[in-house]
């Protein structure tokens, strides 16, 4: 092997060593990132706090749904009561009009 060939072989080896070192660093970085991601998972204080908050909000949502259901029922009852009151008022007005008409006819008969 010539000196030039040995020099080229040495350069290739150095280049491969450098690439291997870079790949090892990248692998370690990725492993560290993965460990951090797993560490921030379900056991982290932040996630536990958020889970408690979700539970509290779920309870609030259930209460709101229950209150909303009651209010809707009351609203339906009030609508029916309103309709009945309007119908009763209209009936009362018709009866008064009828009675007023009857009295007017009676007065007209007496006028003659």
PDB file of N, CA and C in Angstrom:
ATOM      1  N   UNK A   1       0.833  -1.162   0.000  1.00  0.00           N
ATOM      2  CA  UNK A   1       0.000   0.000   0.000  1.00  0.00           C
ATOM      3  C   UNK A   1       0.889   1.240   0.000  1.00  0.00           C
ATOM      4  N   UNK A   2       0.467   2.224  -0.739  1.00  0.00           N
ATOM      5  CA  UNK A   2       1.278   3.431  -0.863  1.00  0.00           C
ATOM      6  C   UNK A   2       0.972   4.366   0.293  1.00  0.00           C
ATOM      7  N   UNK A   3       1.822   5.348   0.421  1.00  0.00           N
ATOM      8  CA  UNK A   3       1.634   6.337   1.478  1.00  0.00           C
ATOM      9  C   UNK A   3       0.347   7.104   1.236  1.00  0.00           C
ATOM     10  N   UNK A   4       0.084   7.375  -0.035  1.00  0.00           N
ATOM     11  CA  UNK A   4      -1.134   8.101  -0.377  1.00  0.00           C
ATOM     12  C   UNK A   4      -2.366   7.266  -0.001  1.00  0.00           C
ATOM     13  N   UNK A   5      -2.347   5.973  -0.279  1.00  0.00           N
ATOM     14  CA  UNK A   5      -3.455   5.083   0.047  1.00  0.00           C
ATOM     15  C   UNK A   5      -3.667   4.994   1.548  1.00  0.00           C
ATOM     16  N   UNK A   6      -2.558   4.934   2.301  1.00  0.00           N
ATOM     17  CA  UNK A   6      -2.655   4.877   3.764  1.00  0.00           C
ATOM     18  C   UNK A   6      -3.246   6.177   4.317  1.00  0.00           C
ATOM     19  N   UNK A   7      -2.844   7.273   3.729  1.00  0.00           N
ATOM     20  CA  UNK A   7      -3.359   8.569   4.165  1.00  0.00           C
ATOM     21  C   UNK A   7      -4.869   8.667   3.907  1.00  0.00           C
ATOM     22  N   UNK A   8      -5.277   8.174   2.726  1.00  0.00           N
ATOM     23  CA  UNK A   8      -6.712   8.195   2.397  1.00  0.00           C
ATOM     24  C   UNK A   8      -7.495   7.269   3.324  1.00  0.00           C
ATOM     25  N   UNK A   9      -6.931   6.116   3.646  1.00  0.00           N
ATOM     26  CA  UNK A   9      -7.578   5.177   4.560  1.00  0.00           C
ATOM     27  C   UNK A   9      -7.715   5.816   5.946  1.00  0.00           C
ATOM     28  N   UNK A  10      -6.688   6.497   6.369  1.00  0.00           N
ATOM     29  CA  UNK A  10      -6.696   7.147   7.678  1.00  0.00           C
ATOM     30  C   UNK A  10      -7.775   8.237   7.711  1.00  0.00           C
ATOM     31  N   UNK A  11      -7.910   9.005   6.619  1.00  0.00           N
ATOM     32  CA  UNK A  11      -8.934  10.039   6.544  1.00  0.00           C
ATOM     33  C   UNK A  11     -10.334   9.431   6.604  1.00  0.00           C
ATOM     34  N   UNK A  12     -10.527   8.315   5.901  1.00  0.00           N
ATOM     35  CA  UNK A  12     -11.822   7.643   5.926  1.00  0.00           C
ATOM     36  C   UNK A  12     -12.142   7.158   7.338  1.00  0.00           C
ATOM     37  N   UNK A  13     -11.156   6.599   8.004  1.00  0.00           N
ATOM     38  CA  UNK A  13     -11.345   6.094   9.373  1.00  0.00           C
ATOM     39  C   UNK A  13     -11.705   7.240  10.310  1.00  0.00           C
ATOM     40  N   UNK A  14     -10.993   8.347  10.178  1.00  0.00           N
ATOM     41  CA  UNK A  14     -11.278   9.506  11.018  1.00  0.00           C
ATOM     42  C   UNK A  14     -12.687  10.044  10.748  1.00  0.00           C
ATOM     43  N   UNK A  15     -13.058  10.072   9.492  1.00  0.00           N
ATOM     44  CA  UNK A  15     -14.389  10.543   9.128  1.00  0.00           C
ATOM     45  C   UNK A  15     -15.457   9.628   9.727  1.00  0.00           C
ATOM     46  N   UNK A  16     -15.238   8.305   9.640  1.00  0.00           N
ATOM     47  CA  UNK A  16     -16.188   7.351  10.218  1.00  0.00           C
ATOM     48  C   UNK A  16     -16.241   7.476  11.738  1.00  0.00           C
ATOM     49  N   UNK A  17     -15.106   7.706  12.389  1.00  0.00           N
ATOM     50  CA  UNK A  17     -15.080   7.901  13.840  1.00  0.00           C
ATOM     51  C   UNK A  17     -15.905   9.138  14.226  1.00  0.00           C
ATOM     52  N   UNK A  18     -15.723  10.187  13.436  1.00  0.00           N
ATOM     53  CA  UNK A  18     -16.460  11.431  13.700  1.00  0.00           C
ATOM     54  C   UNK A  18     -17.971  11.208  13.518  1.00  0.00           C
ATOM     55  N   UNK A  19     -18.352  10.489  12.462  1.00  0.00           N
ATOM     56  CA  UNK A  19     -19.767  10.190  12.223  1.00  0.00           C
ATOM     57  C   UNK A  19     -20.337   9.323  13.351  1.00  0.00           C
ATOM     58  N   UNK A  20     -19.532   8.349  13.793  1.00  0.00           N
ATOM     59  CA  UNK A  20     -19.966   7.477  14.873  1.00  0.00           C
ATOM     60  C   UNK A  20     -20.180   8.279  16.160  1.00  0.00           C
ATOM     61  N   UNK A  21     -19.258   9.199  16.436  1.00  0.00           N
ATOM     62  CA  UNK A  21     -19.374  10.041  17.615  1.00  0.00           C
ATOM     63  C   UNK A  21     -20.641  10.907  17.537  1.00  0.00           C
ATOM     64  N   UNK A  22     -20.880  11.505  16.357  1.00  0.00           N
ATOM     65  CA  UNK A  22     -22.086  12.325  16.172  1.00  0.00           C
ATOM     66  C   UNK A  22     -23.356  11.498  16.359  1.00  0.00           C
ATOM     67  N   UNK A  23     -23.388  10.318  15.795  1.00  0.00           N
ATOM     68  CA  UNK A  23     -24.571   9.456  15.920  1.00  0.00           C
ATOM     69  C   UNK A  23     -24.794   9.046  17.376  1.00  0.00           C
ATOM     70  N   UNK A  24     -23.711   8.779  18.100  1.00  0.00           N
ATOM     71  CA  UNK A  24     -23.824   8.412  19.512  1.00  0.00           C
ATOM     72  C   UNK A  24     -24.401   9.579  20.312  1.00  0.00           C
ATOM     73  N   UNK A  25     -23.938  10.802  20.036  1.00  0.00           N
ATOM     74  CA  UNK A  25     -24.446  11.982  20.729  1.00  0.00           C
ATOM     75  C   UNK A  25     -25.933  12.203  20.417  1.00  0.00           C
ATOM     76  N   UNK A  26     -26.297  12.023  19.153  1.00  0.00           N
ATOM     77  CA  UNK A  26     -27.698  12.188  18.767  1.00  0.00           C
ATOM     78  C   UNK A  26     -28.582  11.142  19.450  1.00  0.00           C
ATOM     79  N   UNK A  27     -28.086   9.900  19.524  1.00  0.00           N
ATOM     80  CA  UNK A  27     -28.838   8.828  20.184  1.00  0.00           C
ATOM     81  C   UNK A  27     -29.020   9.151  21.660  1.00  0.00           C
ATOM     82  N   UNK A  28     -27.943   9.600  22.324  1.00  0.00           N
ATOM     83  CA  UNK A  28     -28.047   9.936  23.739  1.00  0.00           C
ATOM     84  C   UNK A  28     -29.024  11.099  23.965  1.00  0.00           C
ATOM     85  N   UNK A  29     -28.962  12.084  23.072  1.00  0.00           N
ATOM     86  CA  UNK A  29     -29.879  13.214  23.179  1.00  0.00           C
ATOM     87  C   UNK A  29     -31.328  12.736  23.047  1.00  0.00           C
ATOM     88  N   UNK A  30     -31.566  11.874  22.078  1.00  0.00           N
ATOM     89  CA  UNK A  30     -32.931  11.357  21.866  1.00  0.00           C
ATOM     90  C   UNK A  30     -33.387  10.535  23.070  1.00  0.00           C
ATOM     91  N   UNK A  31     -32.485   9.727  23.634  1.00  0.00           N
ATOM     92  CA  UNK A  31     -32.843   8.939  24.815  1.00  0.00           C
ATOM     93  C   UNK A  31     -33.163   9.846  25.999  1.00  0.00           C
ATOM     94  N   UNK A  32     -32.397  10.918  26.169  1.00  0.00           N
ATOM     95  CA  UNK A  32     -32.655  11.862  27.259  1.00  0.00           C
ATOM     96  C   UNK A  32     -34.006  12.565  27.068  1.00  0.00           C
ATOM     97  N   UNK A  33     -34.279  12.960  25.842  1.00  0.00           N
ATOM     98  CA  UNK A  33     -35.563  13.592  25.559  1.00  0.00           C
ATOM     99  C   UNK A  33     -36.713  12.640  25.847  1.00  0.00           C
ATOM    100  N   UNK A  34     -36.572  11.398  25.449  1.00  0.00           N
ATOM    101  CA  UNK A  34     -37.604  10.401  25.701  1.00  0.00           C
ATOM    102  C   UNK A  34     -37.804  10.204  27.197  1.00  0.00           C
ATOM    103  N   UNK A  35     -36.711  10.159  27.945  1.00  0.00           N
ATOM    104  CA  UNK A  35     -36.809  10.012  29.397  1.00  0.00           C
ATOM    105  C   UNK A  35     -37.542  11.210  30.004  1.00  0.00           C
ATOM    106  N   UNK A  36     -37.251  12.408  29.510  1.00  0.00           N
ATOM    107  CA  UNK A  36     -37.930  13.602  30.012  1.00  0.00           C
ATOM    108  C   UNK A  36     -39.422  13.559  29.697  1.00  0.00           C
ATOM    109  N   UNK A  37     -39.728  13.148  28.489  1.00  0.00           N
ATOM    110  CA  UNK A  37     -41.134  13.067  28.088  1.00  0.00           C
ATOM    111  C   UNK A  37     -41.876  12.057  28.960  1.00  0.00           C
ATOM    112  N   UNK A  38     -41.256  10.914  29.199  1.00  0.00           N
ATOM    113  CA  UNK A  38     -41.885   9.909  30.061  1.00  0.00           C
ATOM    114  C   UNK A  38     -41.999  10.428  31.485  1.00  0.00           C
ATOM    115  N   UNK A  39     -41.001  11.177  31.939  1.00  0.00           N
ATOM    116  CA  UNK A  39     -41.014  11.725  33.292  1.00  0.00           C
ATOM    117  C   UNK A  39     -42.105  12.751  33.491  1.00  0.00           C
ATOM    118  N   UNK A  40     -42.451  13.470  32.461  1.00  0.00           N
ATOM    119  CA  UNK A  40     -43.494  14.476  32.542  1.00  0.00           C
ATOM    120  C   UNK A  40     -44.859  13.826  32.336  1.00  0.00           C
ATOM    121  N   UNK A  41     -44.884  12.548  32.194  1.00  0.00           N
ATOM    122  CA  UNK A  41     -46.135  11.834  31.945  1.00  0.00           C
ATOM    123  C   UNK A  41     -47.096  11.901  33.104  1.00  0.00           C
ATOM    124  N   UNK A  42     -47.755  10.801  33.397  1.00  0.00           N
ATOM    125  CA  UNK A  42     -48.848  10.758  34.367  1.00  0.00           C
ATOM    126  C   UNK A  42     -48.420  11.009  35.799  1.00  0.00           C
ATOM    127  N   UNK A  43     -47.145  10.852  36.101  1.00  0.00           N
ATOM    128  CA  UNK A  43     -46.703  10.987  37.480  1.00  0.00           C
ATOM    129  C   UNK A  43     -46.209  12.379  37.827  1.00  0.00           C
ATOM    130  N   UNK A  44     -46.141  13.254  36.869  1.00  0.00           N
ATOM    131  CA  UNK A  44     -45.613  14.588  37.154  1.00  0.00           C
ATOM    132  C   UNK A  44     -46.624  15.395  37.967  1.00  0.00           C
ATOM    133  N   UNK A  45     -46.142  16.318  38.778  1.00  0.00           N
ATOM    134  CA  UNK A  45     -47.052  17.153  39.578  1.00  0.00           C
ATOM    135  C   UNK A  45     -48.000  17.972  38.708  1.00  0.00           C
ATOM    136  N   UNK A  46     -47.514  18.394  37.562  1.00  0.00           N
ATOM    137  CA  UNK A  46     -48.359  19.190  36.675  1.00  0.00           C
ATOM    138  C   UNK A  46     -49.556  18.379  36.190  1.00  0.00           C
ATOM    139  N   UNK A  47     -49.273  17.143  35.768  1.00  0.00           N
ATOM    140  CA  UNK A  47     -50.346  16.292  35.242  1.00  0.00           C
ATOM    141  C   UNK A  47     -51.307  15.924  36.365  1.00  0.00           C
ATOM    142  N   UNK A  48     -50.794  15.649  37.562  1.00  0.00           N
ATOM    143  CA  UNK A  48     -51.686  15.332  38.692  1.00  0.00           C
ATOM    144  C   UNK A  48     -52.588  16.519  39.019  1.00  0.00           C
ATOM    145  N   UNK A  49     -52.017  17.715  38.985  1.00  0.00           N
ATOM    146  CA  UNK A  49     -52.815  18.919  39.231  1.00  0.00           C
ATOM    147  C   UNK A  49     -53.886  19.079  38.164  1.00  0.00           C
ATOM    148  N   UNK A  50     -53.511  18.852  36.924  1.00  0.00           N
ATOM    149  CA  UNK A  50     -54.474  18.971  35.825  1.00  0.00           C
ATOM    150  C   UNK A  50     -55.578  17.925  35.931  1.00  0.00           C
ATOM    151  N   UNK A  51     -55.221  16.710  36.354  1.00  0.00           N
ATOM    152  CA  UNK A  51     -56.241  15.663  36.517  1.00  0.00           C
ATOM    153  C   UNK A  51     -57.244  16.053  37.601  1.00  0.00           C
ATOM    154  N   UNK A  52     -56.740  16.622  38.710  1.00  0.00           N
ATOM    155  CA  UNK A  52     -57.638  17.074  39.768  1.00  0.00           C
ATOM    156  C   UNK A  52     -58.548  18.179  39.256  1.00  0.00           C
ATOM    157  N   UNK A  53     -57.992  19.070  38.459  1.00  0.00           N
ATOM    158  CA  UNK A  53     -58.786  20.171  37.901  1.00  0.00           C
ATOM    159  C   UNK A  53     -59.868  19.633  36.963  1.00  0.00           C
ATOM    160  N   UNK A  54     -59.508  18.627  36.166  1.00  0.00           N
ATOM    161  CA  UNK A  54     -60.487  18.014  35.252  1.00  0.00           C
ATOM    162  C   UNK A  54     -61.611  17.370  36.063  1.00  0.00           C
ATOM    163  N   UNK A  55     -61.265  16.687  37.157  1.00  0.00           N
ATOM    164  CA  UNK A  55     -62.295  16.070  37.995  1.00  0.00           C
ATOM    165  C   UNK A  55     -63.225  17.129  38.578  1.00  0.00           C
ATOM    166  N   UNK A  56     -62.645  18.231  39.057  1.00  0.00           N
ATOM    167  CA  UNK A  56     -63.454  19.308  39.635  1.00  0.00           C
ATOM    168  C   UNK A  56     -64.378  19.900  38.568  1.00  0.00           C
ATOM    169  N   UNK A  57     -63.837  20.134  37.379  1.00  0.00           N
ATOM    170  CA  UNK A  57     -64.649  20.701  36.306  1.00  0.00           C
ATOM    171  C   UNK A  57     -65.739  19.739  35.849  1.00  0.00           C
ATOM    172  N   UNK A  58     -65.458  18.440  35.898  1.00  0.00           N
ATOM    173  CA  UNK A  58     -66.461  17.439  35.541  1.00  0.00           C
ATOM    174  C   UNK A  58     -67.623  17.484  36.538  1.00  0.00           C
ATOM    175  N   UNK A  59     -67.300  17.636  37.815  1.00  0.00           N
ATOM    176  CA  UNK A  59     -68.351  17.744  38.831  1.00  0.00           C
ATOM    177  C   UNK A  59     -69.181  19.008  38.614  1.00  0.00           C
ATOM    178  N   UNK A  60     -68.516  20.104  38.317  1.00  0.00           N
ATOM    179  CA  UNK A  60     -69.222  21.356  38.050  1.00  0.00           C
ATOM    180  C   UNK A  60     -70.134  21.191  36.841  1.00  0.00           C
ATOM    181  N   UNK A  61     -69.634  20.512  35.803  1.00  0.00           N
ATOM    182  CA  UNK A  61     -70.448  20.292  34.600  1.00  0.00           C
ATOM    183  C   UNK A  61     -71.697  19.483  34.940  1.00  0.00           C
ATOM    184  N   UNK A  62     -71.544  18.440  35.769  1.00  0.00           N
ATOM    185  CA  UNK A  62     -72.702  17.626  36.159  1.00  0.00           C
ATOM    186  C   UNK A  62     -73.724  18.474  36.905  1.00  0.00           C
ATOM    187  N   UNK A  63     -73.242  19.327  37.822  1.00  0.00           N
ATOM    188  CA  UNK A  63     -74.152  20.193  38.568  1.00  0.00           C
ATOM    189  C   UNK A  63     -74.873  21.156  37.623  1.00  0.00           C
ATOM    190  N   UNK A  64     -74.143  21.720  36.690  1.00  0.00           N
ATOM    191  CA  UNK A  64     -74.756  22.641  35.732  1.00  0.00           C
ATOM    192  C   UNK A  64     -75.807  21.936  34.882  1.00  0.00           C
ATOM    193  N   UNK A  65     -75.507  20.719  34.460  1.00  0.00           N
ATOM    194  CA  UNK A  65     -76.477  19.967  33.669  1.00  0.00           C
ATOM    195  C   UNK A  65     -77.744  19.707  34.471  1.00  0.00           C
ATOM    196  N   UNK A  66     -77.571  19.375  35.751  1.00  0.00           N
ATOM    197  CA  UNK A  66     -78.721  19.106  36.604  1.00  0.00           C
ATOM    198  C   UNK A  66     -79.540  20.387  36.799  1.00  0.00           C
ATOM    199  N   UNK A  67     -78.865  21.498  37.083  1.00  0.00           N
ATOM    200  CA  UNK A  67     -79.561  22.774  37.257  1.00  0.00           C
ATOM    201  C   UNK A  67     -80.248  23.179  35.961  1.00  0.00           C
ATOM    202  N   UNK A  68     -79.554  23.002  34.854  1.00  0.00           N
ATOM    203  CA  UNK A  68     -80.125  23.359  33.556  1.00  0.00           C
ATOM    204  C   UNK A  68     -81.378  22.537  33.278  1.00  0.00           C
ATOM    205  N   UNK A  69     -81.332  21.255  33.605  1.00  0.00           N
ATOM    206  CA  UNK A  69     -82.506  20.399  33.415  1.00  0.00           C
ATOM    207  C   UNK A  69     -83.688  20.862  34.253  1.00  0.00           C
ATOM    208  N   UNK A  70     -83.412  21.219  35.510  1.00  0.00           N
ATOM    209  CA  UNK A  70     -84.484  21.707  36.384  1.00  0.00           C
ATOM    210  C   UNK A  70     -85.065  23.011  35.835  1.00  0.00           C
ATOM    211  N   UNK A  71     -84.175  23.907  35.405  1.00  0.00           N
ATOM    212  CA  UNK A  71     -84.650  25.188  34.876  1.00  0.00           C
ATOM    213  C   UNK A  71     -85.484  25.004  33.613  1.00  0.00           C
ATOM    214  N   UNK A  72     -85.076  24.084  32.777  1.00  0.00           N
ATOM    215  CA  UNK A  72     -85.855  23.826  31.559  1.00  0.00           C
ATOM    216  C   UNK A  72     -87.236  23.276  31.909  1.00  0.00           C
ATOM    217  N   UNK A  73     -87.297  22.399  32.914  1.00  0.00           N
ATOM    218  CA  UNK A  73     -88.592  21.864  33.349  1.00  0.00           C
ATOM    219  C   UNK A  73     -89.471  22.982  33.884  1.00  0.00           C
ATOM    220  N   UNK A  74     -88.880  23.845  34.717  1.00  0.00           N
ATOM    221  CA  UNK A  74     -89.642  24.971  35.264  1.00  0.00           C
ATOM    222  C   UNK A  74     -90.109  25.902  34.152  1.00  0.00           C
ATOM    223  N   UNK A  75     -89.266  26.119  33.173  1.00  0.00           N
ATOM    224  CA  UNK A  75     -89.635  26.983  32.055  1.00  0.00           C
ATOM    225  C   UNK A  75     -90.814  26.395  31.289  1.00  0.00           C
ATOM    226  N   UNK A  76     -90.801  25.096  31.056  1.00  0.00           N
ATOM    227  CA  UNK A  76     -91.921  24.451  30.367  1.00  0.00           C
ATOM    228  C   UNK A  76     -93.205  24.598  31.173  1.00  0.00           C
ATOM    229  N   UNK A  77     -93.118  24.429  32.483  1.00  0.00           N
ATOM    230  CA  UNK A  77     -94.293  24.590  33.342  1.00  0.00           C
ATOM    231  C   UNK A  77     -94.802  26.024  33.264  1.00  0.00           C
ATOM    232  N   UNK A  78     -93.879  26.985  33.304  1.00  0.00           N
ATOM    233  CA  UNK A  78     -94.277  28.398  33.221  1.00  0.00           C
ATOM    234  C   UNK A  78     -94.917  28.721  31.877  1.00  0.00           C
ATOM    235  N   UNK A  79     -94.383  28.138  30.804  1.00  0.00           N
ATOM    236  CA  UNK A  79     -94.995  28.348  29.483  1.00  0.00           C
ATOM    237  C   UNK A  79     -96.428  27.812  29.470  1.00  0.00           C
ATOM    238  N   UNK A  80     -96.633  26.618  30.027  1.00  0.00           N
ATOM    239  CA  UNK A  80     -97.979  26.033  30.074  1.00  0.00           C
ATOM    240  C   UNK A  80     -98.904  26.887  30.937  1.00  0.00           C
ATOM    241  N   UNK A  81     -98.392  27.341  32.090  1.00  0.00           N
ATOM    242  CA  UNK A  81     -99.200  28.196  32.958  1.00  0.00           C
ATOM    243  C   UNK A  81     -99.569  29.497  32.254  1.00  0.00           C
ATOM    244  N   UNK A  82     -98.625  30.043  31.507  1.00  0.00           N
ATOM    245  CA  UNK A  82     -98.886  31.274  30.772  1.00  0.00           C
ATOM    246  C   UNK A  82     -99.971  31.051  29.722  1.00  0.00           C
ATOM    247  N   UNK A  83     -99.846  29.951  29.008  1.00  0.00           N
ATOM    248  CA  UNK A  83    -100.850  29.628  27.985  1.00  0.00           C
ATOM    249  C   UNK A  83    -102.226  29.474  28.622  1.00  0.00           C
ATOM    250  N   UNK A  84    -102.275  28.763  29.744  1.00  0.00           N
ATOM    251  CA  UNK A  84    -103.557  28.584  30.442  1.00  0.00           C
ATOM    252  C   UNK A  84    -104.106  29.924  30.935  1.00  0.00           C
ATOM    253  N   UNK A  85    -103.232  30.784  31.441  1.00  0.00           N
ATOM    254  CA  UNK A  85    -103.681  32.089  31.930  1.00  0.00           C
ATOM    255  C   UNK A  85    -104.223  32.935  30.786  1.00  0.00           C
ATOM    256  N   UNK A  86    -103.564  32.905  29.649  1.00  0.00           N
ATOM    257  CA  UNK A  86    -104.032  33.655  28.482  1.00  0.00           C
ATOM    258  C   UNK A  86    -105.379  33.121  28.026  1.00  0.00           C
ATOM    259  N   UNK A  87    -105.518  31.790  27.978  1.00  0.00           N
ATOM    260  CA  UNK A  87    -106.789  31.195  27.574  1.00  0.00           C
ATOM    261  C   UNK A  87    -107.901  31.572  28.553  1.00  0.00           C
ATOM    262  N   UNK A  88    -107.589  31.546  29.848  1.00  0.00           N
ATOM    263  CA  UNK A  88    -108.592  31.909  30.862  1.00  0.00           C
ATOM    264  C   UNK A  88    -108.982  33.371  30.717  1.00  0.00           C
ATOM    265  N   UNK A  89    -108.021  34.224  30.477  1.00  0.00           N
ATOM    266  CA  UNK A  89    -108.309  35.650  30.292  1.00  0.00           C
ATOM    267  C   UNK A  89    -109.170  35.876  29.055  1.00  0.00           C
ATOM    268  N   UNK A  90    -108.825  35.185  27.973  1.00  0.00           N
ATOM    269  CA  UNK A  90    -109.625  35.320  26.749  1.00  0.00           C
ATOM    270  C   UNK A  90    -111.053  34.830  26.986  1.00  0.00           C
ATOM    271  N   UNK A  91    -111.202  33.736  27.718  1.00  0.00           N
ATOM    272  CA  UNK A  91    -112.536  33.217  28.029  1.00  0.00           C
ATOM    273  C   UNK A  91    -113.309  34.215  28.876  1.00  0.00           C
ATOM    274  N   UNK A  92    -112.633  34.794  29.857  1.00  0.00           N
ATOM    275  CA  UNK A  92    -113.270  35.785  30.714  1.00  0.00           C
ATOM    276  C   UNK A  92    -113.719  37.002  29.910  1.00  0.00           C
ATOM    277  N   UNK A  93    -112.883  37.448  28.979  1.00  0.00           N
ATOM    278  CA  UNK A  93    -113.228  38.588  28.135  1.00  0.00           C
ATOM    279  C   UNK A  93    -114.429  38.242  27.253  1.00  0.00           C
ATOM    280  N   UNK A  94    -114.451  37.042  26.682  1.00  0.00           N
ATOM    281  CA  UNK A  94    -115.586  36.629  25.851  1.00  0.00           C
ATOM    282  C   UNK A  94    -116.870  36.572  26.666  1.00  0.00           C
ATOM    283  N   UNK A  95    -116.766  36.031  27.897  1.00  0.00           N
ATOM    284  CA  UNK A  95    -117.959  35.956  28.752  1.00  0.00           C
ATOM    285  C   UNK A  95    -118.440  37.353  29.122  1.00  0.00           C
ATOM    286  N   UNK A  96    -117.514  38.249  29.428  1.00  0.00           N
ATOM    287  CA  UNK A  96    -117.911  39.618  29.760  1.00  0.00           C
ATOM    288  C   UNK A  96    -118.532  40.303  28.548  1.00  0.00           C
ATOM    289  N   UNK A  97    -117.922  40.077  27.368  1.00  0.00           N
ATOM    290  CA  UNK A  97    -118.491  40.650  26.141  1.00  0.00           C
ATOM    291  C   UNK A  97    -119.894  40.111  25.891  1.00  0.00           C
ATOM    292  N   UNK A  98    -120.073  38.819  26.122  1.00  0.00           N
ATOM    293  CA  UNK A  98    -121.382  38.200  25.915  1.00  0.00           C
ATOM    294  C   UNK A  98    -122.389  38.776  26.902  1.00  0.00           C
ATOM    295  N   UNK A  99    -121.961  38.888  28.154  1.00  0.00           N
ATOM    296  CA  UNK A  99    -122.851  39.453  29.184  1.00  0.00           C
ATOM    297  C   UNK A  99    -123.153  40.917  28.886  1.00  0.00           C
ATOM    298  N   UNK A 100    -122.167  41.656  28.438  1.00  0.00           N
ATOM    299  CA  UNK A 100    -122.360  43.054  28.086  1.00  0.00           C
ATOM    300  C   UNK A 100    -123.336  43.172  26.910  1.00  0.00           C
ATOM    301  N   UNK A 101    -123.180  42.303  25.927  1.00  0.00           N
ATOM    302  CA  UNK A 101    -124.109  42.280  24.791  1.00  0.00           C
ATOM    303  C   UNK A 101    -125.524  41.973  25.237  1.00  0.00           C
ATOM    304  N   UNK A 102    -125.663  41.017  26.140  1.00  0.00           N
ATOM    305  CA  UNK A 102    -126.979  40.646  26.652  1.00  0.00           C
ATOM    306  C   UNK A 102    -127.615  41.825  27.381  1.00  0.00           C
ATOM    307  N   UNK A 103    -126.813  42.511  28.204  1.00  0.00           N
ATOM    308  CA  UNK A 103    -127.340  43.661  28.932  1.00  0.00           C
ATOM    309  C   UNK A 103    -127.700  44.813  27.991  1.00  0.00           C
ATOM    310  N   UNK A 104    -126.899  44.977  26.936  1.00  0.00           N
ATOM    311  CA  UNK A 104    -127.192  46.039  25.960  1.00  0.00           C
ATOM    312  C   UNK A 104    -128.519  45.748  25.246  1.00  0.00           C
ATOM    313  N   UNK A 105    -128.752  44.488  24.887  1.00  0.00           N
ATOM    314  CA  UNK A 105    -130.025  44.116  24.247  1.00  0.00           C
ATOM    315  C   UNK A 105    -131.187  44.369  25.196  1.00  0.00           C
ATOM    316  N   UNK A 106    -130.965  44.031  26.462  1.00  0.00           N
ATOM    317  CA  UNK A 106    -132.010  44.223  27.466  1.00  0.00           C
ATOM    318  C   UNK A 106    -132.351  45.703  27.600  1.00  0.00           C
ATOM    319  N   UNK A 107    -131.310  46.549  27.619  1.00  0.00           N
ATOM    320  CA  UNK A 107    -131.521  48.001  27.712  1.00  0.00           C
ATOM    321  C   UNK A 107    -132.227  48.549  26.462  1.00  0.00           C
ATOM    322  N   UNK A 108    -131.873  48.008  25.310  1.00  0.00           N
ATOM    323  CA  UNK A 108    -132.493  48.468  24.064  1.00  0.00           C
ATOM    324  C   UNK A 108    -133.990  48.114  24.053  1.00  0.00           C
ATOM    325  N   UNK A 109    -134.330  46.945  24.580  1.00  0.00           N
ATOM    326  CA  UNK A 109    -135.744  46.541  24.634  1.00  0.00           C
ATOM    327  C   UNK A 109    -136.521  47.466  25.548  1.00  0.00           C
ATOM    328  N   UNK A 110    -135.938  47.899  26.632  1.00  0.00           N
ATOM    329  CA  UNK A 110    -136.614  48.755  27.575  1.00  0.00           C
ATOM    330  C   UNK A 110    -136.739  50.177  27.026  1.00  0.00           C
ATOM    331  N   UNK A 111    -135.816  50.565  26.167  1.00  0.00           N
ATOM    332  CA  UNK A 111    -135.843  51.905  25.594  1.00  0.00           C
ATOM    333  C   UNK A 111    -137.039  52.099  24.691  1.00  0.00           C
ATOM    334  N   UNK A 112    -137.538  51.112  24.071  1.00  0.00           N
ATOM    335  CA  UNK A 112    -138.632  51.250  23.120  1.00  0.00           C
ATOM    336  C   UNK A 112    -139.880  51.326  23.824  1.00  0.00           C
TER     337      UNK A 112
END
